[in-house]
PDB file of N, CA and C in Angstrom:
ATOM      1  N   UNK A   1       2.317   2.816   8.475  1.00  0.00           N
ATOM      2  CA  UNK A   1       1.199   2.574   7.429  1.00  0.00           C
ATOM      3  C   UNK A   1       2.006   1.274   6.437  1.00  0.00           C
ATOM      4  N   UNK A   2       3.228   2.007   5.941  1.00  0.00           N
ATOM      5  CA  UNK A   2       3.734   1.185   4.956  1.00  0.00           C
ATOM      6  C   UNK A   2       4.408  -0.012   5.363  1.00  0.00           C
ATOM      7  N   UNK A   3       4.884   0.145   6.858  1.00  0.00           N
ATOM      8  CA  UNK A   3       5.622  -1.003   7.249  1.00  0.00           C
ATOM      9  C   UNK A   3       4.566  -2.201   7.856  1.00  0.00           C
ATOM     10  N   UNK A   4       3.333  -1.647   8.254  1.00  0.00           N
ATOM     11  CA  UNK A   4       2.515  -2.514   8.489  1.00  0.00           C
ATOM     12  C   UNK A   4       1.668  -3.101   7.251  1.00  0.00           C
ATOM     13  N   UNK A   5       1.660  -2.688   6.114  1.00  0.00           N
ATOM     14  CA  UNK A   5       1.376  -3.597   4.676  1.00  0.00           C
ATOM     15  C   UNK A   5       2.573  -4.306   4.394  1.00  0.00           C
ATOM     16  N   UNK A   6       3.887  -3.924   4.460  1.00  0.00           N
ATOM     17  CA  UNK A   6       4.925  -4.973   4.060  1.00  0.00           C
ATOM     18  C   UNK A   6       4.700  -6.048   5.066  1.00  0.00           C
ATOM     19  N   UNK A   7       4.525  -5.949   6.495  1.00  0.00           N
ATOM     20  CA  UNK A   7       4.537  -7.044   7.019  1.00  0.00           C
ATOM     21  C   UNK A   7       3.091  -7.818   6.899  1.00  0.00           C
ATOM     22  N   UNK A   8       2.249  -7.589   6.625  1.00  0.00           N
ATOM     23  CA  UNK A   8       0.864  -8.191   6.322  1.00  0.00           C
ATOM     24  C   UNK A   8       1.231  -9.164   4.894  1.00  0.00           C
ATOM     25  N   UNK A   9       1.913  -8.313   3.829  1.00  0.00           N
ATOM     26  CA  UNK A   9       1.884  -8.726   2.633  1.00  0.00           C
ATOM     27  C   UNK A   9       2.875 -10.009   2.732  1.00  0.00           C
ATOM     28  N   UNK A  10       4.195  -9.678   3.372  1.00  0.00           N
ATOM     29  CA  UNK A  10       4.958 -10.660   3.461  1.00  0.00           C
ATOM     30  C   UNK A  10       4.745 -12.156   4.466  1.00  0.00           C
ATOM     31  N   UNK A  11       3.805 -11.727   5.274  1.00  0.00           N
ATOM     32  CA  UNK A  11       3.137 -12.983   6.224  1.00  0.00           C
ATOM     33  C   UNK A  11       2.100 -13.595   5.578  1.00  0.00           C
ATOM     34  N   UNK A  12       1.358 -13.111   4.544  1.00  0.00           N
ATOM     35  CA  UNK A  12       0.193 -13.626   3.950  1.00  0.00           C
ATOM     36  C   UNK A  12       0.783 -14.708   2.758  1.00  0.00           C
ATOM     37  N   UNK A  13      -0.274 -15.702   2.738  1.00  0.00           N
ATOM     38  CA  UNK A  13      -0.027 -17.264   2.142  1.00  0.00           C
ATOM     39  C   UNK A  13      -0.795 -16.890   0.676  1.00  0.00           C
ATOM     40  N   UNK A  14      -1.963 -16.231   1.020  1.00  0.00           N
ATOM     41  CA  UNK A  14      -2.778 -16.461  -0.373  1.00  0.00           C
ATOM     42  C   UNK A  14      -2.531 -15.121  -1.145  1.00  0.00           C
ATOM     43  N   UNK A  15      -1.369 -15.046  -2.076  1.00  0.00           N
ATOM     44  CA  UNK A  15      -1.183 -14.250  -2.945  1.00  0.00           C
ATOM     45  C   UNK A  15      -0.862 -14.854  -4.094  1.00  0.00           C
ATOM     46  N   UNK A  16      -0.933 -13.786  -5.291  1.00  0.00           N
ATOM     47  CA  UNK A  16      -0.481 -14.418  -6.633  1.00  0.00           C
ATOM     48  C   UNK A  16       0.874 -13.820  -7.220  1.00  0.00           C
ATOM     49  N   UNK A  17       1.081 -12.717  -6.488  1.00  0.00           N
ATOM     50  CA  UNK A  17       2.327 -11.988  -7.023  1.00  0.00           C
ATOM     51  C   UNK A  17       3.151 -12.019  -5.918  1.00  0.00           C
ATOM     52  N   UNK A  18       4.168 -10.847  -5.988  1.00  0.00           N
ATOM     53  CA  UNK A  18       5.273 -10.752  -5.162  1.00  0.00           C
ATOM     54  C   UNK A  18       4.552  -9.861  -3.583  1.00  0.00           C
ATOM     55  N   UNK A  19       5.008 -10.094  -2.600  1.00  0.00           N
ATOM     56  CA  UNK A  19       4.774  -9.316  -1.544  1.00  0.00           C
ATOM     57  C   UNK A  19       4.819  -7.790  -1.731  1.00  0.00           C
ATOM     58  N   UNK A  20       5.469  -7.460  -2.557  1.00  0.00           N
ATOM     59  CA  UNK A  20       5.339  -5.828  -3.122  1.00  0.00           C
ATOM     60  C   UNK A  20       4.162  -5.429  -3.735  1.00  0.00           C
ATOM     61  N   UNK A  21       3.874  -6.372  -4.707  1.00  0.00           N
ATOM     62  CA  UNK A  21       2.627  -6.230  -5.398  1.00  0.00           C
ATOM     63  C   UNK A  21       1.573  -6.485  -4.594  1.00  0.00           C
ATOM     64  N   UNK A  22       1.407  -7.395  -3.664  1.00  0.00           N
ATOM     65  CA  UNK A  22       0.408  -7.423  -2.708  1.00  0.00           C
ATOM     66  C   UNK A  22       0.290  -6.238  -1.894  1.00  0.00           C
ATOM     67  N   UNK A  23       1.170  -5.972  -1.319  1.00  0.00           N
ATOM     68  CA  UNK A  23       0.931  -4.713  -0.605  1.00  0.00           C
ATOM     69  C   UNK A  23       0.671  -3.352  -1.165  1.00  0.00           C
ATOM     70  N   UNK A  24       0.987  -3.183  -2.484  1.00  0.00           N
ATOM     71  CA  UNK A  24       0.835  -2.003  -3.103  1.00  0.00           C
ATOM     72  C   UNK A  24      -0.574  -2.133  -3.660  1.00  0.00           C
ATOM     73  N   UNK A  25      -0.899  -3.445  -4.007  1.00  0.00           N
ATOM     74  CA  UNK A  25      -2.527  -3.441  -4.519  1.00  0.00           C
ATOM     75  C   UNK A  25      -3.132  -3.348  -3.311  1.00  0.00           C
ATOM     76  N   UNK A  26      -2.912  -3.452  -2.069  1.00  0.00           N
ATOM     77  CA  UNK A  26      -3.733  -3.481  -0.835  1.00  0.00           C
ATOM     78  C   UNK A  26      -4.013  -1.632  -0.656  1.00  0.00           C
ATOM     79  N   UNK A  27      -2.905  -1.225  -0.832  1.00  0.00           N
ATOM     80  CA  UNK A  27      -2.889   0.226  -0.542  1.00  0.00           C
ATOM     81  C   UNK A  27      -3.533   0.729  -1.851  1.00  0.00           C
ATOM     82  N   UNK A  28      -3.491   0.456  -2.985  1.00  0.00           N
ATOM     83  CA  UNK A  28      -4.209   1.046  -3.715  1.00  0.00           C
ATOM     84  C   UNK A  28      -5.740   0.864  -3.867  1.00  0.00           C
ATOM     85  N   UNK A  29      -6.316  -0.394  -3.335  1.00  0.00           N
ATOM     86  CA  UNK A  29      -7.402  -0.595  -3.147  1.00  0.00           C
ATOM     87  C   UNK A  29      -8.002   0.372  -2.008  1.00  0.00           C
ATOM     88  N   UNK A  30      -7.281   0.689  -1.058  1.00  0.00           N
ATOM     89  CA  UNK A  30      -7.929   1.678  -0.083  1.00  0.00           C
ATOM     90  C   UNK A  30      -8.158   2.984  -0.626  1.00  0.00           C
ATOM     91  N   UNK A  31      -7.394   3.368  -1.537  1.00  0.00           N
ATOM     92  CA  UNK A  31      -7.587   4.590  -2.210  1.00  0.00           C
ATOM     93  C   UNK A  31      -8.645   4.717  -3.050  1.00  0.00           C
ATOM     94  N   UNK A  32      -8.607   3.658  -3.915  1.00  0.00           N
ATOM     95  CA  UNK A  32      -9.637   3.548  -4.967  1.00  0.00           C
ATOM     96  C   UNK A  32     -11.264   3.349  -4.177  1.00  0.00           C
ATOM     97  N   UNK A  33     -11.214   2.708  -3.021  1.00  0.00           N
ATOM     98  CA  UNK A  33     -12.539   2.140  -2.595  1.00  0.00           C
ATOM     99  C   UNK A  33     -13.103   3.604  -1.786  1.00  0.00           C
ATOM    100  N   UNK A  34     -12.233   4.524  -1.253  1.00  0.00           N
ATOM    101  CA  UNK A  34     -13.012   5.682  -1.093  1.00  0.00           C
ATOM    102  C   UNK A  34     -13.358   6.808  -1.818  1.00  0.00           C
ATOM    103  N   UNK A  35     -12.803   6.714  -3.151  1.00  0.00           N
ATOM    104  CA  UNK A  35     -13.026   7.214  -4.093  1.00  0.00           C
ATOM    105  C   UNK A  35     -13.284   8.740  -3.880  1.00  0.00           C
ATOM    106  N   UNK A  36     -14.170   9.876  -4.542  1.00  0.00           N
ATOM    107  CA  UNK A  36     -13.994  11.227  -4.117  1.00  0.00           C
ATOM    108  C   UNK A  36     -14.224  11.473  -2.786  1.00  0.00           C
ATOM    109  N   UNK A  37     -14.722  10.644  -1.900  1.00  0.00           N
ATOM    110  CA  UNK A  37     -15.070  11.142  -0.692  1.00  0.00           C
ATOM    111  C   UNK A  37     -13.716  11.326   0.199  1.00  0.00           C
ATOM    112  N   UNK A  38     -12.753  10.653  -0.060  1.00  0.00           N
ATOM    113  CA  UNK A  38     -11.430  10.580   0.578  1.00  0.00           C
ATOM    114  C   UNK A  38     -11.081  12.182   0.761  1.00  0.00           C
ATOM    115  N   UNK A  39     -10.872  12.427   1.819  1.00  0.00           N
ATOM    116  CA  UNK A  39     -10.171  13.878   2.289  1.00  0.00           C
ATOM    117  C   UNK A  39      -8.732  13.960   1.642  1.00  0.00           C
ATOM    118  N   UNK A  40      -8.693  15.011   1.294  1.00  0.00           N
ATOM    119  CA  UNK A  40      -7.419  15.457   0.531  1.00  0.00           C
ATOM    120  C   UNK A  40      -6.065  15.165   1.466  1.00  0.00           C
ATOM    121  N   UNK A  41      -6.183  15.438   2.746  1.00  0.00           N
ATOM    122  CA  UNK A  41      -5.214  15.091   3.649  1.00  0.00           C
ATOM    123  C   UNK A  41      -5.107  13.611   3.813  1.00  0.00           C
ATOM    124  N   UNK A  42      -6.006  12.900   3.780  1.00  0.00           N
ATOM    125  CA  UNK A  42      -5.954  11.380   4.016  1.00  0.00           C
ATOM    126  C   UNK A  42      -5.381  10.417   2.800  1.00  0.00           C
ATOM    127  N   UNK A  43      -5.753  11.569   1.580  1.00  0.00           N
ATOM    128  CA  UNK A  43      -5.369  10.866   0.280  1.00  0.00           C
ATOM    129  C   UNK A  43      -3.648  11.274   0.438  1.00  0.00           C
ATOM    130  N   UNK A  44      -3.183  12.441   0.661  1.00  0.00           N
ATOM    131  CA  UNK A  44      -1.822  12.707   0.685  1.00  0.00           C
ATOM    132  C   UNK A  44      -0.941  11.801   1.739  1.00  0.00           C
ATOM    133  N   UNK A  45      -1.493  11.270   2.692  1.00  0.00           N
ATOM    134  CA  UNK A  45      -0.920  10.349   3.466  1.00  0.00           C
ATOM    135  C   UNK A  45      -0.984   8.871   2.953  1.00  0.00           C
ATOM    136  N   UNK A  46      -1.938   8.482   2.041  1.00  0.00           N
ATOM    137  CA  UNK A  46      -1.834   7.346   1.612  1.00  0.00           C
ATOM    138  C   UNK A  46      -1.103   7.187   0.369  1.00  0.00           C
ATOM    139  N   UNK A  47      -0.689   8.464  -0.176  1.00  0.00           N
ATOM    140  CA  UNK A  47       0.142   8.384  -1.408  1.00  0.00           C
ATOM    141  C   UNK A  47       1.544   8.479  -0.834  1.00  0.00           C
ATOM    142  N   UNK A  48       1.790   8.876   0.413  1.00  0.00           N
ATOM    143  CA  UNK A  48       3.256   9.238   1.062  1.00  0.00           C
ATOM    144  C   UNK A  48       3.553   7.608   1.379  1.00  0.00           C
ATOM    145  N   UNK A  49       2.408   6.795   1.522  1.00  0.00           N
ATOM    146  CA  UNK A  49       2.767   5.547   2.158  1.00  0.00           C
ATOM    147  C   UNK A  49       2.895   4.894   0.906  1.00  0.00           C
ATOM    148  N   UNK A  50       2.554   4.936  -0.357  1.00  0.00           N
ATOM    149  CA  UNK A  50       3.065   4.401  -1.288  1.00  0.00           C
ATOM    150  C   UNK A  50       4.652   4.394  -1.520  1.00  0.00           C
ATOM    151  N   UNK A  51       5.253   5.726  -1.490  1.00  0.00           N
ATOM    152  CA  UNK A  51       6.543   6.073  -1.737  1.00  0.00           C
ATOM    153  C   UNK A  51       7.403   5.395  -0.523  1.00  0.00           C
ATOM    154  N   UNK A  52       6.804   5.216   0.769  1.00  0.00           N
ATOM    155  CA  UNK A  52       7.557   4.603   1.623  1.00  0.00           C
ATOM    156  C   UNK A  52       7.459   3.117   1.246  1.00  0.00           C
ATOM    157  N   UNK A  53       6.478   2.622   0.976  1.00  0.00           N
ATOM    158  CA  UNK A  53       6.513   0.996   0.541  1.00  0.00           C
ATOM    159  C   UNK A  53       7.435   0.971  -0.375  1.00  0.00           C
ATOM    160  N   UNK A  54       7.802   1.723  -1.543  1.00  0.00           N
ATOM    161  CA  UNK A  54       8.603   1.451  -2.451  1.00  0.00           C
ATOM    162  C   UNK A  54       9.859   1.482  -1.921  1.00  0.00           C
ATOM    163  N   UNK A  55      10.206   2.423  -0.964  1.00  0.00           N
ATOM    164  CA  UNK A  55      11.573   2.388  -0.392  1.00  0.00           C
ATOM    165  C   UNK A  55      11.810   1.034   0.281  1.00  0.00           C
ATOM    166  N   UNK A  56      10.761   0.687   1.135  1.00  0.00           N
ATOM    167  CA  UNK A  56      10.671  -0.498   1.988  1.00  0.00           C
ATOM    168  C   UNK A  56      11.128  -1.795   1.167  1.00  0.00           C
ATOM    169  N   UNK A  57      10.492  -1.794   0.095  1.00  0.00           N
ATOM    170  CA  UNK A  57      11.117  -2.868  -0.909  1.00  0.00           C
ATOM    171  C   UNK A  57      11.988  -2.628  -1.831  1.00  0.00           C
ATOM    172  N   UNK A  58      12.717  -1.502  -1.527  1.00  0.00           N
ATOM    173  CA  UNK A  58      14.074  -1.338  -2.452  1.00  0.00           C
ATOM    174  C   UNK A  58      13.777  -0.918  -3.761  1.00  0.00           C
ATOM    175  N   UNK A  59      12.407  -0.471  -4.033  1.00  0.00           N
ATOM    176  CA  UNK A  59      12.048  -0.305  -5.470  1.00  0.00           C
ATOM    177  C   UNK A  59      11.912   1.366  -5.905  1.00  0.00           C
ATOM    178  N   UNK A  60      13.071   2.047  -5.900  1.00  0.00           N
ATOM    179  CA  UNK A  60      12.767   3.505  -5.762  1.00  0.00           C
ATOM    180  C   UNK A  60      12.833   3.874  -7.403  1.00  0.00           C
TER     181      UNK A  60
END
């Protein structure tokens, strides 16, 4: 999931910030949009994807 977001953020032309900011924003939007109805397992997957995204962009 992190690799897909990274690829999408780097390929996109319509962004204001850096590709890292764009990718993290997309992921955060997904978590926030689901709200409390997001199952715990899915939330864990998305939180791990954030860590993988940080590592992919070298931001540990």
